[in-house]
Protein backbone atom coordinates (compact mmCIF):
# COMPACT_ATOMS: atom_id res chain seq x y z
CA UNK A 1 0.00 0.00 0.00
CA UNK A 2 1.53 3.25 -1.00
CA UNK A 3 0.66 6.48 0.58
CA UNK A 4 1.53 9.93 -0.39
CA UNK A 5 3.06 12.46 1.91
CA UNK A 6 1.03 15.56 2.01
CA UNK A 7 2.11 18.81 3.54
CA UNK A 8 -0.15 18.13 6.50
CA UNK A 9 1.42 14.73 7.10
CA UNK A 10 4.89 16.21 6.76
CA UNK A 11 3.98 18.99 9.19
CA UNK A 12 2.54 16.42 11.60
CA UNK A 13 5.71 14.30 11.35
CA UNK A 14 7.88 17.37 11.90
CA UNK A 15 5.76 18.32 14.90
CA UNK A 16 6.10 14.79 16.35
CA UNK A 17 9.87 14.78 15.82
CA UNK A 18 10.14 18.24 17.41
CA UNK A 19 8.04 17.08 20.35
CA UNK A 20 10.18 13.95 20.79
CA UNK A 21 13.36 16.08 20.69
CA UNK A 22 11.88 18.46 23.28
CA UNK A 23 10.99 15.54 25.58
CA UNK A 24 14.46 14.05 25.19
CA UNK A 25 16.04 17.44 25.97
CA UNK A 26 13.71 17.81 28.95
CA UNK A 27 14.67 14.31 30.11
CA UNK A 28 18.37 15.13 29.87
CA UNK A 29 17.84 18.35 31.81
CA UNK A 30 15.85 16.49 34.46
CA UNK A 31 18.48 13.73 34.64
CA UNK A 32 21.27 16.31 34.95
CA UNK A 33 19.40 18.09 37.75
CA UNK A 34 18.82 14.80 39.57
CA UNK A 35 22.48 13.81 39.22
CA UNK A 36 23.64 17.21 40.44
CA UNK A 37 21.33 16.89 43.45
CA UNK A 38 22.71 13.42 44.19
CA UNK A 39 26.28 14.66 43.83
CA UNK A 40 25.48 17.50 46.23
CA UNK A 41 24.08 14.97 48.71
CA UNK A 42 27.13 12.76 48.32
CA UNK A 43 29.45 15.73 48.77
CA UNK A 44 27.64 16.67 51.97
CA UNK A 45 27.91 13.07 53.21
CA UNK A 46 31.62 13.00 52.33
CA UNK A 47 32.16 16.27 54.17
CA UNK A 48 30.35 14.92 57.23
CA UNK A 49 32.37 11.71 57.18
CA UNK A 50 35.64 13.56 56.73
CA UNK A 51 34.68 15.74 59.69
CA UNK A 52 34.20 12.57 61.74
CA UNK A 53 37.57 11.28 60.56
CA UNK A 54 39.15 14.62 61.51
CA UNK A 55 37.55 14.37 64.96
CA UNK A 56 38.95 10.86 65.36
CA UNK A 57 42.41 12.08 64.36
CA UNK A 58 42.14 14.88 66.92
CA UNK A 59 41.26 12.31 69.58
CA UNK A 60 44.21 10.18 68.52
CA UNK A 61 46.43 13.27 68.68
CA UNK A 62 45.19 13.93 72.22
CA UNK A 63 45.99 10.34 73.16
CA UNK A 64 49.49 10.68 71.73
CA UNK A 65 49.98 13.88 73.70
CA UNK A 66 49.04 11.99 76.85
CA UNK A 67 51.45 9.21 75.92
CA UNK A 68 54.16 11.82 75.34
CA UNK A 69 53.47 13.26 78.79
CA UNK A 70 53.80 9.79 80.29
CA UNK A 71 57.10 9.28 78.48
CA UNK A 72 58.33 12.60 79.80
CA UNK A 73 57.50 11.39 83.31
CA UNK A 74 59.34 8.14 82.62
CA UNK A 75 62.32 10.15 81.35
CA UNK A 76 62.26 12.21 84.55
CA UNK A 77 62.22 9.02 86.61
CA UNK A 78 65.17 7.65 84.65
CA UNK A 79 67.06 10.89 85.19
CA UNK A 80 66.42 10.59 88.92
CA UNK A 81 67.58 6.98 88.86
CA UNK A 82 70.73 7.99 86.99
CA UNK A 83 71.35 10.80 89.49
CA UNK A 84 70.85 8.30 92.29
CA UNK A 85 73.32 5.95 90.59
CA UNK A 86 75.80 8.80 90.35
CA UNK A 87 75.47 9.47 94.08
CA UNK A 88 75.81 5.80 94.92
CA UNK A 89 78.80 5.38 92.63
CA UNK A 90 80.47 8.37 94.24
CA UNK A 91 80.00 6.78 97.64
CA UNK A 92 81.26 3.44 96.37
CA UNK A 93 84.28 5.11 94.81
CA UNK A 94 85.18 6.85 98.07
CA UNK A 95 84.71 3.73 100.11
CA UNK A 96 86.69 1.68 97.64
CA UNK A 97 89.56 4.14 97.68
CA UNK A 98 89.63 4.27 101.44
CA UNK A 99 89.23 0.56 102.08
CA UNK A 100 91.06 -1.18 99.31
CA UNK A 101 93.41 1.22 97.69
CA UNK A 102 92.64 -0.32 94.31
CA UNK A 103 90.39 2.40 93.04
CA UNK A 104 90.94 1.81 89.36
CA UNK A 105 89.92 -1.85 89.43
CA UNK A 106 86.77 -1.12 91.41
CA UNK A 107 85.91 1.94 89.35
CA UNK A 108 86.16 -0.03 86.13
CA UNK A 109 83.66 -2.54 87.50
CA UNK A 110 81.30 0.21 88.55
CA UNK A 111 81.76 1.95 85.20
CA UNK A 112 80.92 -1.25 83.35
CA UNK A 113 77.79 -1.66 85.43
CA UNK A 114 76.83 1.92 84.77
CA UNK A 115 77.37 1.45 81.03
CA UNK A 116 75.19 -1.66 81.02
CA UNK A 117 72.51 0.17 82.92
CA UNK A 118 72.75 3.11 80.56
CA UNK A 119 72.50 0.77 77.55
CA UNK A 120 69.41 -0.79 79.07
CA UNK A 121 67.90 2.66 79.60
CA UNK A 122 68.76 3.65 76.03
CA UNK A 123 67.30 0.40 74.75
CA UNK A 124 64.13 0.98 76.76
CA UNK A 125 63.86 4.52 75.41
CA UNK A 126 64.27 3.21 71.83
CA UNK A 127 61.60 0.57 72.43
CA UNK A 128 59.21 3.17 73.79
CA UNK A 129 59.88 5.39 70.77
CA UNK A 130 59.23 2.51 68.36
CA UNK A 131 56.02 1.73 70.22
CA UNK A 132 54.80 5.31 69.85
CA UNK A 133 55.60 5.23 66.13
CA UNK A 134 53.74 1.92 65.85
CA UNK A 135 50.70 3.50 67.52
CA UNK A 136 50.86 6.39 65.06
CA UNK A 137 51.12 4.04 62.08
CA UNK A 138 48.28 1.90 63.42
CA UNK A 139 46.08 4.99 63.87
CA UNK A 140 46.82 6.18 60.37
CA UNK A 141 46.26 2.69 58.98
CA UNK A 142 42.94 2.46 60.83
CA UNK A 143 41.84 5.83 59.52
CA UNK A 144 42.90 4.90 55.98
CA UNK A 145 41.04 1.59 56.23
CA UNK A 146 37.91 3.30 57.52
CA UNK A 147 38.14 5.88 54.78
CA UNK A 148 38.55 3.09 52.24
CA UNK A 149 35.50 1.32 53.66
CA UNK A 150 33.50 4.51 53.53
CA UNK A 151 34.50 5.12 49.94
CA UNK A 152 33.68 1.54 48.91
CA UNK A 153 30.22 1.80 50.50
CA UNK A 154 29.42 4.83 48.42
């Protein structure tokens, strides 16, 4: 069956194509607006979550400050112990000189003991320092993991 295209049919077809184009454009505009609204919501959620992460980091920083204060107290105690050792060694040196007359032999023994004690104190200080670094790394790793989880849930 053949049909002829009249001007009215052509005008009707043009009108239908124009209407379809307008609806498609309107759909794209609507889709774009919806996506922008969703992106705005996601951005707000990200900002809120990053604020929470920042708060957690601040709490971790406070904890590290407290740990630092404790280490300072430990350092003070060690300094007192070392001062006490110095006093004791001075007494031992005087007594050794008076009693035995072999000051150098006795002093070398005391010096060796002092060096061992000092090495132990230095080793303890290094261990405490490594522990504090490990806590920092663990906190950062935890925050990174939580951030990764947050990002994967989005």
